[in-house]
């Protein structure tokens, strides 16, 4: 999911999952929606 403001100071922070993906240099996708998203579907089909 997209990064959100966290804590009293509302600092925009990546999700814990994104932080792990960044740590291991894994490609990341943050789609605005899952349904009717041909770009995401194409990406998943290419990965197979």
ModelCIF file with pLDDT and N, C-alpha, C, O atoms, coordinates in Angstrom:
data_MODEL
#
_entry.id   MODEL 
#
_entity.id                         1 
_entity.type                       polymer 
_entity.pdbx_number_of_molecules   1 
#
_entity_poly.entity_id                      1 
_entity_poly.type                           'polypeptide(L)' 
_entity_poly.nstd_linkage                   no 
_entity_poly.nstd_monomer                   no 
_entity_poly.pdbx_seq_one_letter_code       
;(UNK)(UNK)(UNK)(UNK)(UNK)(UNK)(UNK)(UNK)(UNK)(UNK)(UNK)(UNK)(UNK)(UNK)(UNK)(UNK)
(UNK)(UNK)(UNK)(UNK)(UNK)(UNK)(UNK)(UNK)(UNK)(UNK)(UNK)(UNK)(UNK)(UNK)(UNK)(UNK)
(UNK)(UNK)(UNK)(UNK)(UNK)(UNK)(UNK)(UNK)(UNK)(UNK)(UNK)(UNK)(UNK)(UNK)(UNK)(UNK)
;
_entity_poly.pdbx_seq_one_letter_code_can   XXXXXXXXXXXXXXXXXXXXXXXXXXXXXXXXXXXXXXXXXXXXXXXX 
_entity_poly.pdbx_strand_id                 A 
#
loop_
_entity_poly_seq.entity_id 
_entity_poly_seq.num 
_entity_poly_seq.mon_id 
_entity_poly_seq.hetero 
1 1  UNK n 
1 2  UNK n 
1 3  UNK n 
1 4  UNK n 
1 5  UNK n 
1 6  UNK n 
1 7  UNK n 
1 8  UNK n 
1 9  UNK n 
1 10 UNK n 
1 11 UNK n 
1 12 UNK n 
1 13 UNK n 
1 14 UNK n 
1 15 UNK n 
1 16 UNK n 
1 17 UNK n 
1 18 UNK n 
1 19 UNK n 
1 20 UNK n 
1 21 UNK n 
1 22 UNK n 
1 23 UNK n 
1 24 UNK n 
1 25 UNK n 
1 26 UNK n 
1 27 UNK n 
1 28 UNK n 
1 29 UNK n 
1 30 UNK n 
1 31 UNK n 
1 32 UNK n 
1 33 UNK n 
1 34 UNK n 
1 35 UNK n 
1 36 UNK n 
1 37 UNK n 
1 38 UNK n 
1 39 UNK n 
1 40 UNK n 
1 41 UNK n 
1 42 UNK n 
1 43 UNK n 
1 44 UNK n 
1 45 UNK n 
1 46 UNK n 
1 47 UNK n 
1 48 UNK n 
#
_struct_asym.id          A 
_struct_asym.entity_id   1 
#
loop_
_ma_qa_metric.id 
_ma_qa_metric.mode 
_ma_qa_metric.name 
_ma_qa_metric.software_group_id 
_ma_qa_metric.type 
1 global pLDDT . pLDDT 
2 local  pLDDT . pLDDT 
#
_ma_qa_metric_global.metric_id      1 
_ma_qa_metric_global.metric_value   92.71 
_ma_qa_metric_global.model_id       1 
_ma_qa_metric_global.ordinal_id     1 
#
loop_
_ma_qa_metric_local.label_asym_id 
_ma_qa_metric_local.label_comp_id 
_ma_qa_metric_local.label_seq_id 
_ma_qa_metric_local.metric_id 
_ma_qa_metric_local.metric_value 
_ma_qa_metric_local.model_id 
_ma_qa_metric_local.ordinal_id 
A UNK 1  2 96.00 1 1  
A UNK 2  2 93.00 1 2  
A UNK 3  2 88.00 1 3  
A UNK 4  2 85.00 1 4  
A UNK 5  2 81.00 1 5  
A UNK 6  2 79.00 1 6  
A UNK 7  2 73.00 1 7  
A UNK 8  2 72.00 1 8  
A UNK 9  2 77.00 1 9  
A UNK 10 2 81.00 1 10 
A UNK 11 2 85.00 1 11 
A UNK 12 2 87.00 1 12 
A UNK 13 2 91.00 1 13 
A UNK 14 2 94.00 1 14 
A UNK 15 2 96.00 1 15 
A UNK 16 2 96.00 1 16 
A UNK 17 2 98.00 1 17 
A UNK 18 2 97.00 1 18 
A UNK 19 2 97.00 1 19 
A UNK 20 2 98.00 1 20 
A UNK 21 2 98.00 1 21 
A UNK 22 2 97.00 1 22 
A UNK 23 2 97.00 1 23 
A UNK 24 2 97.00 1 24 
A UNK 25 2 98.00 1 25 
A UNK 26 2 98.00 1 26 
A UNK 27 2 97.00 1 27 
A UNK 28 2 97.00 1 28 
A UNK 29 2 97.00 1 29 
A UNK 30 2 96.00 1 30 
A UNK 31 2 96.00 1 31 
A UNK 32 2 94.00 1 32 
A UNK 33 2 94.00 1 33 
A UNK 34 2 94.00 1 34 
A UNK 35 2 92.00 1 35 
A UNK 36 2 92.00 1 36 
A UNK 37 2 95.00 1 37 
A UNK 38 2 94.00 1 38 
A UNK 39 2 95.00 1 39 
A UNK 40 2 96.00 1 40 
A UNK 41 2 96.00 1 41 
A UNK 42 2 96.00 1 42 
A UNK 43 2 97.00 1 43 
A UNK 44 2 97.00 1 44 
A UNK 45 2 96.00 1 45 
A UNK 46 2 97.00 1 46 
A UNK 47 2 97.00 1 47 
A UNK 48 2 96.00 1 48 
#
loop_
_atom_site.group_PDB 
_atom_site.id 
_atom_site.type_symbol 
_atom_site.label_atom_id 
_atom_site.label_alt_id 
_atom_site.label_comp_id 
_atom_site.label_asym_id 
_atom_site.label_entity_id 
_atom_site.label_seq_id 
_atom_site.pdbx_PDB_ins_code 
_atom_site.Cartn_x 
_atom_site.Cartn_y 
_atom_site.Cartn_z 
_atom_site.occupancy 
_atom_site.B_iso_or_equiv 
_atom_site.pdbx_formal_charge 
_atom_site.auth_seq_id 
_atom_site.auth_comp_id 
_atom_site.auth_asym_id 
_atom_site.auth_atom_id 
_atom_site.pdbx_PDB_model_num 
ATOM 1   N N  . UNK A 1 1  ? 0.836  -1.194  0.000   1.00 96.00 ? 1  UNK A N  1 
ATOM 2   C CA . UNK A 1 1  ? 0.000  0.000   0.000   1.00 96.00 ? 1  UNK A CA 1 
ATOM 3   C C  . UNK A 1 1  ? 0.876  1.252   0.000   1.00 96.00 ? 1  UNK A C  1 
ATOM 4   O O  . UNK A 1 1  ? 2.088  1.187   0.206   1.00 96.00 ? 1  UNK A O  1 
ATOM 5   N N  . UNK A 1 2  ? 0.230  2.386   -0.236  1.00 93.00 ? 2  UNK A N  1 
ATOM 6   C CA . UNK A 1 2  ? 0.951  3.661   -0.284  1.00 93.00 ? 2  UNK A CA 1 
ATOM 7   C C  . UNK A 1 2  ? 1.453  4.071   1.096   1.00 93.00 ? 2  UNK A C  1 
ATOM 8   O O  . UNK A 1 2  ? 0.876  3.685   2.112   1.00 93.00 ? 2  UNK A O  1 
ATOM 9   N N  . UNK A 1 3  ? 2.526  4.850   1.130   1.00 88.00 ? 3  UNK A N  1 
ATOM 10  C CA . UNK A 1 3  ? 3.060  5.386   2.380   1.00 88.00 ? 3  UNK A CA 1 
ATOM 11  C C  . UNK A 1 3  ? 2.036  6.311   3.033   1.00 88.00 ? 3  UNK A C  1 
ATOM 12  O O  . UNK A 1 3  ? 1.250  6.969   2.350   1.00 88.00 ? 3  UNK A O  1 
ATOM 13  N N  . UNK A 1 4  ? 2.059  6.352   4.378   1.00 85.00 ? 4  UNK A N  1 
ATOM 14  C CA . UNK A 1 4  ? 1.094  7.177   5.108   1.00 85.00 ? 4  UNK A CA 1 
ATOM 15  C C  . UNK A 1 4  ? 1.804  7.998   6.188   1.00 85.00 ? 4  UNK A C  1 
ATOM 16  O O  . UNK A 1 4  ? 2.879  7.625   6.657   1.00 85.00 ? 4  UNK A O  1 
ATOM 17  N N  . UNK A 1 5  ? 1.183  9.134   6.580   1.00 81.00 ? 5  UNK A N  1 
ATOM 18  C CA . UNK A 1 5  ? 1.740  9.904   7.698   1.00 81.00 ? 5  UNK A CA 1 
ATOM 19  C C  . UNK A 1 5  ? 1.620  9.113   9.000   1.00 81.00 ? 5  UNK A C  1 
ATOM 20  O O  . UNK A 1 5  ? 0.560  8.569   9.310   1.00 81.00 ? 5  UNK A O  1 
ATOM 21  N N  . UNK A 1 6  ? 2.718  9.055   9.759   1.00 79.00 ? 6  UNK A N  1 
ATOM 22  C CA . UNK A 1 6  ? 2.759  8.263   10.985  1.00 79.00 ? 6  UNK A CA 1 
ATOM 23  C C  . UNK A 1 6  ? 3.177  9.146   12.155  1.00 79.00 ? 6  UNK A C  1 
ATOM 24  O O  . UNK A 1 6  ? 4.016  10.034  12.010  1.00 79.00 ? 6  UNK A O  1 
ATOM 25  N N  . UNK A 1 7  ? 2.574  8.886   13.327  1.00 73.00 ? 7  UNK A N  1 
ATOM 26  C CA . UNK A 1 7  ? 2.986  9.551   14.558  1.00 73.00 ? 7  UNK A CA 1 
ATOM 27  C C  . UNK A 1 7  ? 2.471  10.973  14.692  1.00 73.00 ? 7  UNK A C  1 
ATOM 28  O O  . UNK A 1 7  ? 1.750  11.474  13.828  1.00 73.00 ? 7  UNK A O  1 
ATOM 29  N N  . UNK A 1 8  ? 2.854  11.617  15.797  1.00 72.00 ? 8  UNK A N  1 
ATOM 30  C CA . UNK A 1 8  ? 2.376  12.977  16.084  1.00 72.00 ? 8  UNK A CA 1 
ATOM 31  C C  . UNK A 1 8  ? 2.840  13.978  15.037  1.00 72.00 ? 8  UNK A C  1 
ATOM 32  O O  . UNK A 1 8  ? 2.130  14.929  14.712  1.00 72.00 ? 8  UNK A O  1 
ATOM 33  N N  . UNK A 1 9  ? 4.045  13.752  14.510  1.00 77.00 ? 9  UNK A N  1 
ATOM 34  C CA . UNK A 1 9  ? 4.590  14.689  13.539  1.00 77.00 ? 9  UNK A CA 1 
ATOM 35  C C  . UNK A 1 9  ? 4.133  14.387  12.115  1.00 77.00 ? 9  UNK A C  1 
ATOM 36  O O  . UNK A 1 9  ? 4.483  15.101  11.175  1.00 77.00 ? 9  UNK A O  1 
ATOM 37  N N  . UNK A 1 10 ? 3.340  13.309  11.966  1.00 81.00 ? 10 UNK A N  1 
ATOM 38  C CA . UNK A 1 10 ? 2.764  12.954  10.661  1.00 81.00 ? 10 UNK A CA 1 
ATOM 39  C C  . UNK A 1 10 ? 3.839  12.831  9.576   1.00 81.00 ? 10 UNK A C  1 
ATOM 40  O O  . UNK A 1 10 ? 3.712  13.388  8.485   1.00 81.00 ? 10 UNK A O  1 
ATOM 41  N N  . UNK A 1 11 ? 4.884  12.096  9.903   1.00 85.00 ? 11 UNK A N  1 
ATOM 42  C CA . UNK A 1 11 ? 5.953  11.872  8.933   1.00 85.00 ? 11 UNK A CA 1 
ATOM 43  C C  . UNK A 1 11 ? 5.526  10.768  7.970   1.00 85.00 ? 11 UNK A C  1 
ATOM 44  O O  . UNK A 1 11 ? 5.178  9.669   8.401   1.00 85.00 ? 11 UNK A O  1 
ATOM 45  N N  . UNK A 1 12 ? 5.552  11.054  6.671   1.00 87.00 ? 12 UNK A N  1 
ATOM 46  C CA . UNK A 1 12 ? 5.156  10.076  5.658   1.00 87.00 ? 12 UNK A CA 1 
ATOM 47  C C  . UNK A 1 12 ? 6.173  8.933   5.672   1.00 87.00 ? 12 UNK A C  1 
ATOM 48  O O  . UNK A 1 12 ? 7.365  9.138   5.441   1.00 87.00 ? 12 UNK A O  1 
ATOM 49  N N  . UNK A 1 13 ? 5.672  7.722   5.950   1.00 91.00 ? 13 UNK A N  1 
ATOM 50  C CA . UNK A 1 13 ? 6.543  6.576   6.180   1.00 91.00 ? 13 UNK A CA 1 
ATOM 51  C C  . UNK A 1 13 ? 6.127  5.409   5.290   1.00 91.00 ? 13 UNK A C  1 
ATOM 52  O O  . UNK A 1 13 ? 4.939  5.097   5.202   1.00 91.00 ? 13 UNK A O  1 
ATOM 53  N N  . UNK A 1 14 ? 7.087  4.758   4.627   1.00 94.00 ? 14 UNK A N  1 
ATOM 54  C CA . UNK A 1 14 ? 6.758  3.568   3.827   1.00 94.00 ? 14 UNK A CA 1 
ATOM 55  C C  . UNK A 1 14 ? 6.194  2.457   4.710   1.00 94.00 ? 14 UNK A C  1 
ATOM 56  O O  . UNK A 1 14 ? 6.521  2.383   5.895   1.00 94.00 ? 14 UNK A O  1 
ATOM 57  N N  . UNK A 1 15 ? 5.356  1.601   4.150   1.00 96.00 ? 15 UNK A N  1 
ATOM 58  C CA . UNK A 1 15 ? 4.827  0.471   4.911   1.00 96.00 ? 15 UNK A CA 1 
ATOM 59  C C  . UNK A 1 15 ? 5.977  -0.436  5.343   1.00 96.00 ? 15 UNK A C  1 
ATOM 60  O O  . UNK A 1 15 ? 7.021  -0.458  4.690   1.00 96.00 ? 15 UNK A O  1 
ATOM 61  N N  . UNK A 1 16 ? 5.801  -1.188  6.438   1.00 96.00 ? 16 UNK A N  1 
ATOM 62  C CA . UNK A 1 16 ? 6.848  -2.129  6.850   1.00 96.00 ? 16 UNK A CA 1 
ATOM 63  C C  . UNK A 1 16 ? 7.246  -3.101  5.737   1.00 96.00 ? 16 UNK A C  1 
ATOM 64  O O  . UNK A 1 16 ? 8.420  -3.449  5.610   1.00 96.00 ? 16 UNK A O  1 
ATOM 65  N N  . UNK A 1 17 ? 6.277  -3.539  4.934   1.00 98.00 ? 17 UNK A N  1 
ATOM 66  C CA . UNK A 1 17 ? 6.592  -4.454  3.827   1.00 98.00 ? 17 UNK A CA 1 
ATOM 67  C C  . UNK A 1 17 ? 7.462  -3.759  2.778   1.00 98.00 ? 17 UNK A C  1 
ATOM 68  O O  . UNK A 1 17 ? 8.405  -4.351  2.254   1.00 98.00 ? 17 UNK A O  1 
ATOM 69  N N  . UNK A 1 18 ? 7.142  -2.516  2.481   1.00 97.00 ? 18 UNK A N  1 
ATOM 70  C CA . UNK A 1 18 ? 7.954  -1.778  1.512   1.00 97.00 ? 18 UNK A CA 1 
ATOM 71  C C  . UNK A 1 18 ? 9.378  -1.616  2.020   1.00 97.00 ? 18 UNK A C  1 
ATOM 72  O O  . UNK A 1 18 ? 10.328 -1.718  1.244   1.00 97.00 ? 18 UNK A O  1 
ATOM 73  N N  . UNK A 1 19 ? 9.536  -1.366  3.315   1.00 97.00 ? 19 UNK A N  1 
ATOM 74  C CA . UNK A 1 19 ? 10.872 -1.196  3.881   1.00 97.00 ? 19 UNK A CA 1 
ATOM 75  C C  . UNK A 1 19 ? 11.710 -2.463  3.735   1.00 97.00 ? 19 UNK A C  1 
ATOM 76  O O  . UNK A 1 19 ? 12.906 -2.390  3.453   1.00 97.00 ? 19 UNK A O  1 
ATOM 77  N N  . UNK A 1 20 ? 11.078 -3.634  3.928   1.00 98.00 ? 20 UNK A N  1 
ATOM 78  C CA . UNK A 1 20 ? 11.807 -4.897  3.749   1.00 98.00 ? 20 UNK A CA 1 
ATOM 79  C C  . UNK A 1 20 ? 12.160 -5.095  2.279   1.00 98.00 ? 20 UNK A C  1 
ATOM 80  O O  . UNK A 1 20 ? 13.272 -5.512  1.956   1.00 98.00 ? 20 UNK A O  1 
ATOM 81  N N  . UNK A 1 21 ? 11.209 -4.796  1.381   1.00 98.00 ? 21 UNK A N  1 
ATOM 82  C CA . UNK A 1 21 ? 11.476 -4.937  -0.053  1.00 98.00 ? 21 UNK A CA 1 
ATOM 83  C C  . UNK A 1 21 ? 12.636 -4.036  -0.483  1.00 98.00 ? 21 UNK A C  1 
ATOM 84  O O  . UNK A 1 21 ? 13.492 -4.449  -1.265  1.00 98.00 ? 21 UNK A O  1 
ATOM 85  N N  . UNK A 1 22 ? 12.660 -2.814  0.028   1.00 97.00 ? 22 UNK A N  1 
ATOM 86  C CA . UNK A 1 22 ? 13.752 -1.897  -0.291  1.00 97.00 ? 22 UNK A CA 1 
ATOM 87  C C  . UNK A 1 22 ? 15.083 -2.423  0.242   1.00 97.00 ? 22 UNK A C  1 
ATOM 88  O O  . UNK A 1 22 ? 16.113 -2.315  -0.424  1.00 97.00 ? 22 UNK A O  1 
ATOM 89  N N  . UNK A 1 23 ? 15.053 -2.986  1.437   1.00 97.00 ? 23 UNK A N  1 
ATOM 90  C CA . UNK A 1 23 ? 16.266 -3.535  2.056   1.00 97.00 ? 23 UNK A CA 1 
ATOM 91  C C  . UNK A 1 23 ? 16.903 -4.597  1.170   1.00 97.00 ? 23 UNK A C  1 
ATOM 92  O O  . UNK A 1 23 ? 18.127 -4.667  1.055   1.00 97.00 ? 23 UNK A O  1 
ATOM 93  N N  . UNK A 1 24 ? 16.062 -5.428  0.540   1.00 97.00 ? 24 UNK A N  1 
ATOM 94  C CA . UNK A 1 24 ? 16.581 -6.523  -0.285  1.00 97.00 ? 24 UNK A CA 1 
ATOM 95  C C  . UNK A 1 24 ? 16.515 -6.215  -1.785  1.00 97.00 ? 24 UNK A C  1 
ATOM 96  O O  . UNK A 1 24 ? 16.723 -7.090  -2.626  1.00 97.00 ? 24 UNK A O  1 
ATOM 97  N N  . UNK A 1 25 ? 16.217 -4.941  -2.098  1.00 98.00 ? 25 UNK A N  1 
ATOM 98  C CA . UNK A 1 25 ? 16.202 -4.483  -3.497  1.00 98.00 ? 25 UNK A CA 1 
ATOM 99  C C  . UNK A 1 25 ? 15.238 -5.296  -4.369  1.00 98.00 ? 25 UNK A C  1 
ATOM 100 O O  . UNK A 1 25 ? 15.553 -5.646  -5.507  1.00 98.00 ? 25 UNK A O  1 
ATOM 101 N N  . UNK A 1 26 ? 14.066 -5.584  -3.816  1.00 98.00 ? 26 UNK A N  1 
ATOM 102 C CA . UNK A 1 26 ? 13.016 -6.289  -4.560  1.00 98.00 ? 26 UNK A CA 1 
ATOM 103 C C  . UNK A 1 26 ? 12.134 -5.257  -5.250  1.00 98.00 ? 26 UNK A C  1 
ATOM 104 O O  . UNK A 1 26 ? 11.743 -4.284  -4.606  1.00 98.00 ? 26 UNK A O  1 
ATOM 105 N N  . UNK A 1 27 ? 11.803 -5.422  -6.525  1.00 97.00 ? 27 UNK A N  1 
ATOM 106 C CA . UNK A 1 27 ? 10.901 -4.485  -7.201  1.00 97.00 ? 27 UNK A CA 1 
ATOM 107 C C  . UNK A 1 27 ? 9.573  -4.350  -6.456  1.00 97.00 ? 27 UNK A C  1 
ATOM 108 O O  . UNK A 1 27 ? 9.041  -5.327  -5.929  1.00 97.00 ? 27 UNK A O  1 
ATOM 109 N N  . UNK A 1 28 ? 9.051  -3.136  -6.422  1.00 97.00 ? 28 UNK A N  1 
ATOM 110 C CA . UNK A 1 28 ? 7.842  -2.822  -5.648  1.00 97.00 ? 28 UNK A CA 1 
ATOM 111 C C  . UNK A 1 28 ? 6.776  -2.227  -6.557  1.00 97.00 ? 28 UNK A C  1 
ATOM 112 O O  . UNK A 1 28 ? 7.067  -1.415  -7.435  1.00 97.00 ? 28 UNK A O  1 
ATOM 113 N N  . UNK A 1 29 ? 5.528  -2.651  -6.327  1.00 97.00 ? 29 UNK A N  1 
ATOM 114 C CA . UNK A 1 29 ? 4.379  -2.047  -7.014  1.00 97.00 ? 29 UNK A CA 1 
ATOM 115 C C  . UNK A 1 29 ? 3.404  -1.541  -5.958  1.00 97.00 ? 29 UNK A C  1 
ATOM 116 O O  . UNK A 1 29 ? 3.091  -2.244  -4.997  1.00 97.00 ? 29 UNK A O  1 
ATOM 117 N N  . UNK A 1 30 ? 2.924  -0.300  -6.153  1.00 96.00 ? 30 UNK A N  1 
ATOM 118 C CA . UNK A 1 30 ? 1.936  0.278   -5.234  1.00 96.00 ? 30 UNK A CA 1 
ATOM 119 C C  . UNK A 1 30 ? 0.720  0.714   -6.058  1.00 96.00 ? 30 UNK A C  1 
ATOM 120 O O  . UNK A 1 30 ? 0.542  1.904   -6.317  1.00 96.00 ? 30 UNK A O  1 
ATOM 121 N N  . UNK A 1 31 ? -0.112 -0.245  -6.468  1.00 96.00 ? 31 UNK A N  1 
ATOM 122 C CA . UNK A 1 31 ? -1.256 0.103   -7.307  1.00 96.00 ? 31 UNK A CA 1 
ATOM 123 C C  . UNK A 1 31 ? -2.338 0.833   -6.533  1.00 96.00 ? 31 UNK A C  1 
ATOM 124 O O  . UNK A 1 31 ? -2.589 0.527   -5.367  1.00 96.00 ? 31 UNK A O  1 
ATOM 125 N N  . UNK A 1 32 ? -2.974 1.791   -7.176  1.00 94.00 ? 32 UNK A N  1 
ATOM 126 C CA . UNK A 1 32 ? -4.082 2.514   -6.541  1.00 94.00 ? 32 UNK A CA 1 
ATOM 127 C C  . UNK A 1 32 ? -5.284 1.601   -6.345  1.00 94.00 ? 32 UNK A C  1 
ATOM 128 O O  . UNK A 1 32 ? -6.075 1.789   -5.421  1.00 94.00 ? 32 UNK A O  1 
ATOM 129 N N  . UNK A 1 33 ? -5.412 0.615   -7.219  1.00 94.00 ? 33 UNK A N  1 
ATOM 130 C CA . UNK A 1 33 ? -6.494 -0.366  -7.107  1.00 94.00 ? 33 UNK A CA 1 
ATOM 131 C C  . UNK A 1 33 ? -6.018 -1.684  -7.701  1.00 94.00 ? 33 UNK A C  1 
ATOM 132 O O  . UNK A 1 33 ? -5.062 -1.722  -8.476  1.00 94.00 ? 33 UNK A O  1 
ATOM 133 N N  . UNK A 1 34 ? -6.701 -2.769  -7.326  1.00 94.00 ? 34 UNK A N  1 
ATOM 134 C CA . UNK A 1 34 ? -6.367 -4.089  -7.854  1.00 94.00 ? 34 UNK A CA 1 
ATOM 135 C C  . UNK A 1 34 ? -7.324 -4.514  -8.962  1.00 94.00 ? 34 UNK A C  1 
ATOM 136 O O  . UNK A 1 34 ? -6.914 -5.104  -9.961  1.00 94.00 ? 34 UNK A O  1 
ATOM 137 N N  . UNK A 1 35 ? -8.592 -4.209  -8.770  1.00 92.00 ? 35 UNK A N  1 
ATOM 138 C CA . UNK A 1 35 ? -9.591 -4.610  -9.755  1.00 92.00 ? 35 UNK A CA 1 
ATOM 139 C C  . UNK A 1 35 ? -9.539 -3.688  -10.975 1.00 92.00 ? 35 UNK A C  1 
ATOM 140 O O  . UNK A 1 35 ? -9.344 -2.479  -10.852 1.00 92.00 ? 35 UNK A O  1 
ATOM 141 N N  . UNK A 1 36 ? -9.718 -4.287  -12.150 1.00 92.00 ? 36 UNK A N  1 
ATOM 142 C CA . UNK A 1 36 ? -9.700 -3.522  -13.413 1.00 92.00 ? 36 UNK A CA 1 
ATOM 143 C C  . UNK A 1 36 ? -8.421 -2.705  -13.528 1.00 92.00 ? 36 UNK A C  1 
ATOM 144 O O  . UNK A 1 36 ? -8.452 -1.509  -13.817 1.00 92.00 ? 36 UNK A O  1 
ATOM 145 N N  . UNK A 1 37 ? -7.306 -3.369  -13.299 1.00 95.00 ? 37 UNK A N  1 
ATOM 146 C CA . UNK A 1 37 ? -5.996 -2.725  -13.401 1.00 95.00 ? 37 UNK A CA 1 
ATOM 147 C C  . UNK A 1 37 ? -5.159 -3.504  -14.418 1.00 95.00 ? 37 UNK A C  1 
ATOM 148 O O  . UNK A 1 37 ? -4.363 -4.363  -14.041 1.00 95.00 ? 37 UNK A O  1 
ATOM 149 N N  . UNK A 1 38 ? -5.339 -3.201  -15.715 1.00 94.00 ? 38 UNK A N  1 
ATOM 150 C CA . UNK A 1 38 ? -4.643 -3.976  -16.752 1.00 94.00 ? 38 UNK A CA 1 
ATOM 151 C C  . UNK A 1 38 ? -3.121 -3.900  -16.652 1.00 94.00 ? 38 UNK A C  1 
ATOM 152 O O  . UNK A 1 38 ? -2.429 -4.848  -17.023 1.00 94.00 ? 38 UNK A O  1 
ATOM 153 N N  . UNK A 1 39 ? -2.598 -2.783  -16.155 1.00 95.00 ? 39 UNK A N  1 
ATOM 154 C CA . UNK A 1 39 ? -1.147 -2.648  -16.035 1.00 95.00 ? 39 UNK A CA 1 
ATOM 155 C C  . UNK A 1 39 ? -0.588 -3.654  -15.024 1.00 95.00 ? 39 UNK A C  1 
ATOM 156 O O  . UNK A 1 39 ? 0.436  -4.290  -15.277 1.00 95.00 ? 39 UNK A O  1 
ATOM 157 N N  . UNK A 1 40 ? -1.268 -3.796  -13.874 1.00 96.00 ? 40 UNK A N  1 
ATOM 158 C CA . UNK A 1 40 ? -0.833 -4.749  -12.866 1.00 96.00 ? 40 UNK A CA 1 
ATOM 159 C C  . UNK A 1 40 ? -0.979 -6.180  -13.374 1.00 96.00 ? 40 UNK A C  1 
ATOM 160 O O  . UNK A 1 40 ? -0.087 -7.007  -13.181 1.00 96.00 ? 40 UNK A O  1 
ATOM 161 N N  . UNK A 1 41 ? -2.100 -6.469  -14.022 1.00 96.00 ? 41 UNK A N  1 
ATOM 162 C CA . UNK A 1 41 ? -2.331 -7.818  -14.546 1.00 96.00 ? 41 UNK A CA 1 
ATOM 163 C C  . UNK A 1 41 ? -1.253 -8.187  -15.554 1.00 96.00 ? 41 UNK A C  1 
ATOM 164 O O  . UNK A 1 41 ? -0.748 -9.310  -15.542 1.00 96.00 ? 41 UNK A O  1 
ATOM 165 N N  . UNK A 1 42 ? -0.902 -7.257  -16.421 1.00 96.00 ? 42 UNK A N  1 
ATOM 166 C CA . UNK A 1 42 ? 0.140  -7.518  -17.428 1.00 96.00 ? 42 UNK A CA 1 
ATOM 167 C C  . UNK A 1 42 ? 1.476  -7.789  -16.739 1.00 96.00 ? 42 UNK A C  1 
ATOM 168 O O  . UNK A 1 42 ? 2.223  -8.680  -17.143 1.00 96.00 ? 42 UNK A O  1 
ATOM 169 N N  . UNK A 1 43 ? 1.766  -7.016  -15.699 1.00 97.00 ? 43 UNK A N  1 
ATOM 170 C CA . UNK A 1 43 ? 3.020  -7.205  -14.966 1.00 97.00 ? 43 UNK A CA 1 
ATOM 171 C C  . UNK A 1 43 ? 3.069  -8.587  -14.327 1.00 97.00 ? 43 UNK A C  1 
ATOM 172 O O  . UNK A 1 43 ? 4.095  -9.265  -14.371 1.00 97.00 ? 43 UNK A O  1 
ATOM 173 N N  . UNK A 1 44 ? 1.947  -9.000  -13.729 1.00 97.00 ? 44 UNK A N  1 
ATOM 174 C CA . UNK A 1 44 ? 1.889  -10.317 -13.099 1.00 97.00 ? 44 UNK A CA 1 
ATOM 175 C C  . UNK A 1 44 ? 1.998  -11.436 -14.135 1.00 97.00 ? 44 UNK A C  1 
ATOM 176 O O  . UNK A 1 44 ? 2.648  -12.452 -13.887 1.00 97.00 ? 44 UNK A O  1 
ATOM 177 N N  . UNK A 1 45 ? 1.369  -11.255 -15.283 1.00 96.00 ? 45 UNK A N  1 
ATOM 178 C CA . UNK A 1 45 ? 1.449  -12.275 -16.337 1.00 96.00 ? 45 UNK A CA 1 
ATOM 179 C C  . UNK A 1 45 ? 2.874  -12.394 -16.865 1.00 96.00 ? 45 UNK A C  1 
ATOM 180 O O  . UNK A 1 45 ? 3.337  -13.494 -17.165 1.00 96.00 ? 45 UNK A O  1 
ATOM 181 N N  . UNK A 1 46 ? 3.566  -11.268 -16.978 1.00 97.00 ? 46 UNK A N  1 
ATOM 182 C CA . UNK A 1 46 ? 4.957  -11.303 -17.440 1.00 97.00 ? 46 UNK A CA 1 
ATOM 183 C C  . UNK A 1 46 ? 5.841  -12.054 -16.439 1.00 97.00 ? 46 UNK A C  1 
ATOM 184 O O  . UNK A 1 46 ? 6.755  -12.778 -16.836 1.00 97.00 ? 46 UNK A O  1 
ATOM 185 N N  . UNK A 1 47 ? 5.573  -11.884 -15.159 1.00 97.00 ? 47 UNK A N  1 
ATOM 186 C CA . UNK A 1 47 ? 6.344  -12.585 -14.126 1.00 97.00 ? 47 UNK A CA 1 
ATOM 187 C C  . UNK A 1 47 ? 6.014  -14.073 -14.120 1.00 97.00 ? 47 UNK A C  1 
ATOM 188 O O  . UNK A 1 47 ? 6.893  -14.907 -13.900 1.00 97.00 ? 47 UNK A O  1 
ATOM 189 N N  . UNK A 1 48 ? 4.742  -14.408 -14.363 1.00 96.00 ? 48 UNK A N  1 
ATOM 190 C CA . UNK A 1 48 ? 4.269  -15.796 -14.378 1.00 96.00 ? 48 UNK A CA 1 
ATOM 191 C C  . UNK A 1 48 ? 4.626  -16.512 -13.076 1.00 96.00 ? 48 UNK A C  1 
ATOM 192 O O  . UNK A 1 48 ? 4.307  -17.689 -12.912 1.00 96.00 ? 48 UNK A O  1 
#
